[in-house]
Structure formats: structure tokens, C-alpha cells
Amino acid sequence: MLLLLFATLALAVNAELYTLEVYTANRDWADTDSTIYVSIIGSKGESTGHKLDKSWYNDFQKGKIDTYSVHVDENIGNLKCIRFTTADFDAWLVEKVIVTPEGDKDYYLYNVDGTLLSSDPNDNAESSLKLCSQGAETYYITTKTSTENNAWSDNIWVRMTITGQKGSTQTGYLDNRGSNDFMKGEEDTFVFPGMKFVGKVKCIKLEVEGDDMWKFDYIEIHCDRYRSPFFFHNEKNLWLSSNVQEGENSIKIC
């Protein structure tokens, strides 16, 4: 009886509560009815899977934010990553997750590769998706869409890799929810907390998805620790598109 009591107390001491804000991408096919599990990965190990489901609620709908509480009984150390898994075939596109361990700061975890979660081998997806913390820096990215005809886009999905003297860091999708981004001649600013500090920015790499094309004049980047702006101009007048007949699906500017 005493051993059982001590074991129960030990679990209670080591138990930790994690709050997850899960952002489903704001795209037509991003939602899912699949059963999704999440495990928390820390510096000392990985938790068991926890089913993400609310009674009488439609989870993981397009453009929605769902909040879940996950109790972890074992001591897994400092938060590093989370892992989503599913055995179902209805693909899901998560944009990002904000994880808050009880009494700790917010951790921002981005789907940096735009990976779909699904067990369907025909979905070009993965049945296990790992999202990891990159750091504690906040980056501000401003894009200036060209004034040329058809330069604007309402269905382009851009991700960026920022490379500097201290390494690289990756964003999620450049998308201000509730705003019409990438309009002709307009500037749009996107804010990404939880990034790695890369020092003086040397290069950017843009990767796009979607069935539209987009052309920008310049992109400006700065962060909280390094307020001086870095400008990257579209000197080659390149168009971006996932359709290779319309433009480039990936470009690098240094």
C-alpha cells in the first residue's frame, strides 16, 4: 500500500500540464476529420501519445485555432518538439502550434516544410510529423508586392528560410489571418516569434505553394536583437509560382 502511495505521489510531482494552441492552415483542403495524437518531446525523452479531441466539437477545421490541455505524467525535461501522428487517411495541414508548459514561456513551433499529416500513401504526406522549437528571437518580414499587372495573388503560400552568419532559421507560412495579403503595390508585414537568431542576415530562400503566381519588388527583414533592416530586391524580376510554366517555385537571394 505504501509503495503504491509513493508511486502515485511521484507521478503527481513529475506531472506537467502543457497547453497547445493548434493552428490549422487557412487553405481549402487543410482541414481533417482524422483522429490526431500528439506526444511531447523534451530533453529527457518523449511522452506517450495523447488524443486531441473535444466532445461535440469539430476539431481541425480550415483556418481555425483549437486549444488543448495535455497532461504528461513522466519527467521529459525541457520542451524541444512535439510529434503529431495519425493512422487515418484524411490529410491535415497544420500551420503552427504554440506550446505553453505550465509556468513557462510560449514556444512557437512551425510546420517549416508544409508537410501534410496522413497515413494515405497517395497523399504525399507523412503519418508522423515532428515540429520543433528553433529559438527565442522574433523576426519581422515585410514584403512589397509589385505594381505590375497580375503581380498580386490571393492564393500563394510562401515559406522562407533566413540564413545569416550564425546559421539558418525557417518560418511557417507568410499569412496574416483575416487580411488580404500580397495585393498589388502593397506592403505586408509578417511576425514570427520563436525563431533562431542567425546574426547578420546574408540570404533568404523563398518556397511557394498554391495555384497562383506572385511578384515582389523587395523583402525587408529585421529582428528584435538586430533592428537594422536587411533588404533583398527582386533584381532579376522573377515571378513565383508552383506552376513552373508561370514562375519559380523556389528562389534564393543573397
Protein backbone atom coordinates (compact mmCIF):
# COMPACT_ATOMS: atom_id res chain seq x y z
CA MET A 1 0.00 0.00 0.00
CA LEU A 2 2.83 2.42 0.90
CA LEU A 3 4.65 1.61 -2.35
CA LEU A 4 1.51 2.40 -4.33
CA LEU A 5 1.09 5.68 -2.43
CA PHE A 6 4.70 6.72 -3.07
CA ALA A 7 4.37 5.83 -6.76
CA THR A 8 1.22 7.93 -7.03
CA LEU A 9 2.92 10.88 -5.32
CA ALA A 10 5.94 10.58 -7.61
CA LEU A 11 3.71 10.75 -10.68
CA ALA A 12 1.95 13.80 -9.29
CA VAL A 13 5.26 15.58 -8.64
CA ASN A 14 6.57 14.87 -12.15
CA ALA A 15 3.27 15.57 -13.93
CA GLU A 16 3.23 18.68 -16.08
CA LEU A 17 0.47 20.46 -17.93
CA TYR A 18 1.06 21.67 -21.50
CA THR A 19 -1.36 24.00 -23.29
CA LEU A 20 -1.37 23.65 -27.07
CA GLU A 21 -2.82 26.23 -29.48
CA VAL A 22 -3.08 24.37 -32.76
CA TYR A 23 -3.43 26.42 -35.97
CA THR A 24 -4.89 24.59 -38.95
CA ALA A 25 -3.77 26.25 -42.19
CA ASN A 26 -6.24 28.59 -43.88
CA ARG A 27 -6.40 26.56 -47.09
CA ASP A 28 -9.34 24.81 -48.72
CA TRP A 29 -8.08 21.27 -48.14
CA ALA A 30 -6.22 21.84 -44.84
CA ASP A 31 -8.97 20.55 -42.52
CA THR A 32 -9.37 16.96 -41.40
CA ASP A 33 -11.71 14.55 -39.64
CA SER A 34 -8.84 12.19 -38.85
CA THR A 35 -8.01 11.17 -35.30
CA ILE A 36 -4.84 13.04 -34.29
CA TYR A 37 -2.46 12.15 -31.48
CA VAL A 38 0.30 14.32 -30.04
CA SER A 39 3.33 13.46 -27.93
CA ILE A 40 5.58 15.98 -26.18
CA ILE A 41 9.33 15.66 -26.71
CA GLY A 42 11.72 17.02 -24.12
CA SER A 43 15.41 16.93 -23.29
CA LYS A 44 14.90 13.71 -21.28
CA GLY A 45 12.54 11.80 -23.55
CA GLU A 46 9.16 11.65 -25.25
CA SER A 47 5.72 11.32 -23.68
CA THR A 48 3.11 8.80 -24.67
CA GLY A 49 0.57 9.87 -27.31
CA HIS A 50 -2.40 11.98 -26.27
CA LYS A 51 -5.57 12.02 -28.37
CA LEU A 52 -6.60 15.54 -29.39
CA ASP A 53 -10.37 15.56 -29.33
CA LYS A 54 -13.13 17.68 -27.79
CA SER A 55 -16.57 16.22 -27.22
CA TRP A 56 -19.28 17.58 -29.54
CA TYR A 57 -16.75 19.77 -31.35
CA ASN A 58 -15.40 19.73 -34.91
CA ASP A 59 -11.63 19.84 -34.47
CA PHE A 60 -9.03 20.94 -37.06
CA GLN A 61 -11.17 22.99 -39.42
CA LYS A 62 -9.77 25.33 -42.07
CA GLY A 63 -8.25 28.48 -40.57
CA LYS A 64 -9.32 27.58 -37.03
CA ILE A 65 -7.35 27.64 -33.77
CA ASP A 66 -8.00 24.76 -31.37
CA THR A 67 -6.73 24.73 -27.78
CA TYR A 68 -5.95 21.55 -25.85
CA SER A 69 -4.56 20.68 -22.43
CA VAL A 70 -2.11 17.80 -22.37
CA HIS A 71 -1.04 16.20 -19.07
CA VAL A 72 2.32 14.43 -19.12
CA ASP A 73 2.98 12.12 -16.17
CA GLU A 74 6.65 11.40 -16.82
CA ASN A 75 9.52 13.87 -16.44
CA ILE A 76 10.61 14.63 -20.02
CA GLY A 77 12.76 17.67 -19.23
CA ASN A 78 12.77 20.93 -21.17
CA LEU A 79 10.43 21.20 -24.16
CA LYS A 80 12.11 20.57 -27.52
CA CYS A 81 9.47 19.36 -30.00
CA ILE A 82 6.04 17.83 -30.42
CA ARG A 83 5.03 14.94 -32.66
CA PHE A 84 1.65 14.50 -34.37
CA THR A 85 0.60 11.04 -35.55
CA THR A 86 -2.43 9.55 -37.26
CA ALA A 87 -3.50 6.21 -38.65
CA ASP A 88 -6.24 7.77 -40.79
CA PHE A 89 -6.28 8.81 -44.45
CA ASP A 90 -7.91 12.28 -44.30
CA ALA A 91 -4.90 14.60 -44.76
CA TRP A 92 -4.36 17.55 -42.40
CA LEU A 93 -2.18 20.65 -42.82
CA VAL A 94 -1.16 22.25 -39.55
CA GLU A 95 0.39 25.71 -39.85
CA LYS A 96 1.91 26.13 -36.40
CA VAL A 97 1.48 25.24 -32.73
CA ILE A 98 2.07 27.44 -29.70
CA VAL A 99 3.02 25.24 -26.74
CA THR A 100 2.99 26.62 -23.19
CA PRO A 101 4.31 24.39 -20.39
CA GLU A 102 2.67 25.37 -17.09
CA GLY A 103 4.61 28.25 -15.54
CA ASP A 104 6.87 28.62 -18.58
CA LYS A 105 7.03 30.81 -21.70
CA ASP A 106 5.32 30.22 -25.04
CA TYR A 107 7.16 28.05 -27.58
CA TYR A 108 6.37 28.61 -31.28
CA LEU A 109 6.63 25.52 -33.47
CA TYR A 110 6.17 25.98 -37.23
CA ASN A 111 5.44 23.49 -39.98
CA VAL A 112 8.52 24.71 -41.82
CA ASP A 113 8.25 22.25 -44.72
CA GLY A 114 4.47 22.48 -45.20
CA THR A 115 4.16 18.73 -44.54
CA LEU A 116 0.75 17.05 -44.67
CA LEU A 117 -0.20 14.57 -41.95
CA SER A 118 -1.89 11.42 -43.29
CA SER A 119 -1.36 7.67 -43.49
CA ASP A 120 -2.64 7.55 -47.05
CA PRO A 121 0.32 6.61 -49.31
CA ASN A 122 -1.30 8.57 -52.16
CA ASP A 123 -1.39 11.87 -50.24
CA ASN A 124 2.32 12.76 -50.49
CA ALA A 125 2.16 13.04 -46.72
CA GLU A 126 3.66 11.66 -43.52
CA SER A 127 1.90 9.65 -40.81
CA SER A 128 4.21 11.22 -38.21
CA LEU A 129 5.00 14.95 -38.17
CA LYS A 130 7.59 16.48 -35.84
CA LEU A 131 7.57 20.23 -35.12
CA CYS A 132 10.46 21.67 -33.12
CA SER A 133 11.37 24.84 -31.27
CA GLN A 134 14.06 26.87 -33.03
CA GLY A 135 14.86 29.63 -30.53
CA ALA A 136 13.56 32.76 -28.83
CA GLU A 137 14.09 35.50 -31.44
CA THR A 138 11.27 37.39 -33.18
CA TYR A 139 11.68 38.20 -36.87
CA TYR A 140 9.69 40.79 -38.82
CA ILE A 141 9.34 40.22 -42.56
CA THR A 142 7.91 42.92 -44.85
CA THR A 143 7.11 42.13 -48.48
CA LYS A 144 6.38 44.73 -51.17
CA THR A 145 4.22 43.34 -53.98
CA SER A 146 4.97 44.72 -57.44
CA THR A 147 2.67 47.19 -59.19
CA GLU A 148 2.85 45.20 -62.44
CA ASN A 149 -0.33 43.71 -63.84
CA ASN A 150 -1.21 40.34 -62.25
CA ALA A 151 1.63 40.67 -59.71
CA TRP A 152 -0.79 40.31 -56.80
CA SER A 153 -2.06 36.97 -55.51
CA ASP A 154 -4.85 35.65 -53.33
CA ASN A 155 -3.71 32.03 -53.38
CA ILE A 156 0.02 31.87 -52.90
CA TRP A 157 1.59 30.19 -49.86
CA VAL A 158 5.10 31.37 -49.11
CA ARG A 159 7.63 29.96 -46.64
CA MET A 160 11.07 31.43 -46.01
CA THR A 161 14.48 30.28 -44.84
CA ILE A 162 16.62 33.07 -43.36
CA THR A 163 20.36 32.45 -43.38
CA GLY A 164 22.93 34.53 -41.52
CA GLN A 165 26.39 34.35 -40.07
CA LYS A 166 25.14 32.16 -37.20
CA GLY A 167 23.12 29.63 -39.22
CA SER A 168 19.59 29.39 -40.61
CA THR A 169 16.02 29.58 -39.32
CA GLN A 170 12.72 28.80 -41.06
CA THR A 171 9.30 30.42 -40.97
CA GLY A 172 5.90 28.91 -41.36
CA TYR A 173 3.54 30.32 -43.99
CA LEU A 174 3.55 34.09 -44.56
CA ASP A 175 -0.12 34.61 -43.81
CA ASN A 176 -1.84 37.33 -41.77
CA ARG A 177 -5.14 35.76 -40.84
CA GLY A 178 -8.11 37.96 -41.66
CA SER A 179 -6.05 40.13 -44.03
CA ASN A 180 -5.78 40.13 -47.81
CA ASP A 181 -2.02 39.71 -48.25
CA PHE A 182 0.05 40.28 -51.41
CA MET A 183 -2.17 42.90 -53.02
CA LYS A 184 -0.84 45.00 -55.93
CA GLY A 185 1.67 47.62 -54.74
CA GLU A 186 1.04 46.88 -51.05
CA GLU A 187 3.42 46.16 -48.19
CA ASP A 188 2.63 43.29 -45.81
CA THR A 189 4.44 42.59 -42.55
CA PHE A 190 4.58 39.10 -41.03
CA VAL A 191 5.79 38.45 -37.48
CA PHE A 192 7.46 35.19 -36.44
CA PRO A 193 8.33 34.72 -32.76
CA GLY A 194 10.29 31.68 -31.59
CA MET A 195 12.95 31.73 -34.29
CA LYS A 196 16.69 31.12 -34.10
CA PHE A 197 18.88 34.22 -34.03
CA VAL A 198 21.10 34.00 -37.12
CA GLY A 199 23.09 37.20 -36.73
CA LYS A 200 23.63 39.41 -39.76
CA VAL A 201 21.28 38.15 -42.47
CA LYS A 202 23.09 37.04 -45.63
CA CYS A 203 20.47 35.25 -47.76
CA ILE A 204 16.81 34.33 -47.95
CA LYS A 205 15.18 31.40 -49.70
CA LEU A 206 11.52 31.53 -50.72
CA GLU A 207 9.43 28.43 -51.43
CA VAL A 208 5.85 28.66 -52.66
CA GLU A 209 2.72 26.53 -52.97
CA GLY A 210 -0.75 27.30 -54.32
CA ASP A 211 -2.29 27.71 -57.75
CA ASP A 212 -1.42 31.36 -58.33
CA MET A 213 1.65 33.45 -59.19
CA TRP A 214 3.18 36.42 -57.33
CA LYS A 215 5.86 39.01 -57.96
CA PHE A 216 7.52 41.14 -55.29
CA ASP A 217 9.76 44.19 -55.53
CA TYR A 218 11.67 43.70 -52.29
CA ILE A 219 11.63 41.95 -48.92
CA GLU A 220 12.86 43.60 -45.71
CA ILE A 221 13.86 41.62 -42.61
CA HIS A 222 14.87 42.59 -39.09
CA CYS A 223 14.62 41.07 -35.61
CA ASP A 224 14.36 42.28 -32.01
CA ARG A 225 18.06 41.78 -31.34
CA TYR A 226 19.20 43.30 -34.64
CA ARG A 227 16.91 46.22 -35.54
CA SER A 228 18.87 47.33 -38.61
CA PRO A 229 16.86 46.22 -41.68
CA PHE A 230 18.19 43.87 -44.35
CA PHE A 231 16.75 44.40 -47.85
CA PHE A 232 16.52 41.79 -50.61
CA HIS A 233 15.46 43.15 -54.01
CA ASN A 234 13.97 41.14 -56.84
CA GLU A 235 16.65 42.34 -59.24
CA LYS A 236 16.03 39.53 -61.74
CA ASN A 237 12.29 40.33 -61.92
CA LEU A 238 11.37 36.76 -61.07
CA TRP A 239 7.81 35.52 -60.68
CA LEU A 240 6.98 32.95 -58.01
CA SER A 241 4.55 30.10 -58.67
CA SER A 242 4.17 26.39 -58.00
CA ASN A 243 3.42 26.11 -61.74
CA VAL A 244 6.81 26.01 -63.46
CA GLN A 245 5.24 27.48 -66.61
CA GLU A 246 4.36 30.64 -64.67
CA GLY A 247 7.41 31.12 -62.46
CA GLU A 248 9.87 29.72 -59.95
CA ASN A 249 8.68 27.59 -57.04
CA SER A 250 11.87 28.33 -55.11
CA ILE A 251 14.34 31.21 -55.27
CA LYS A 252 17.37 32.24 -53.22
CA ILE A 253 18.55 35.85 -52.91
CA CYS A 254 21.83 36.84 -51.22
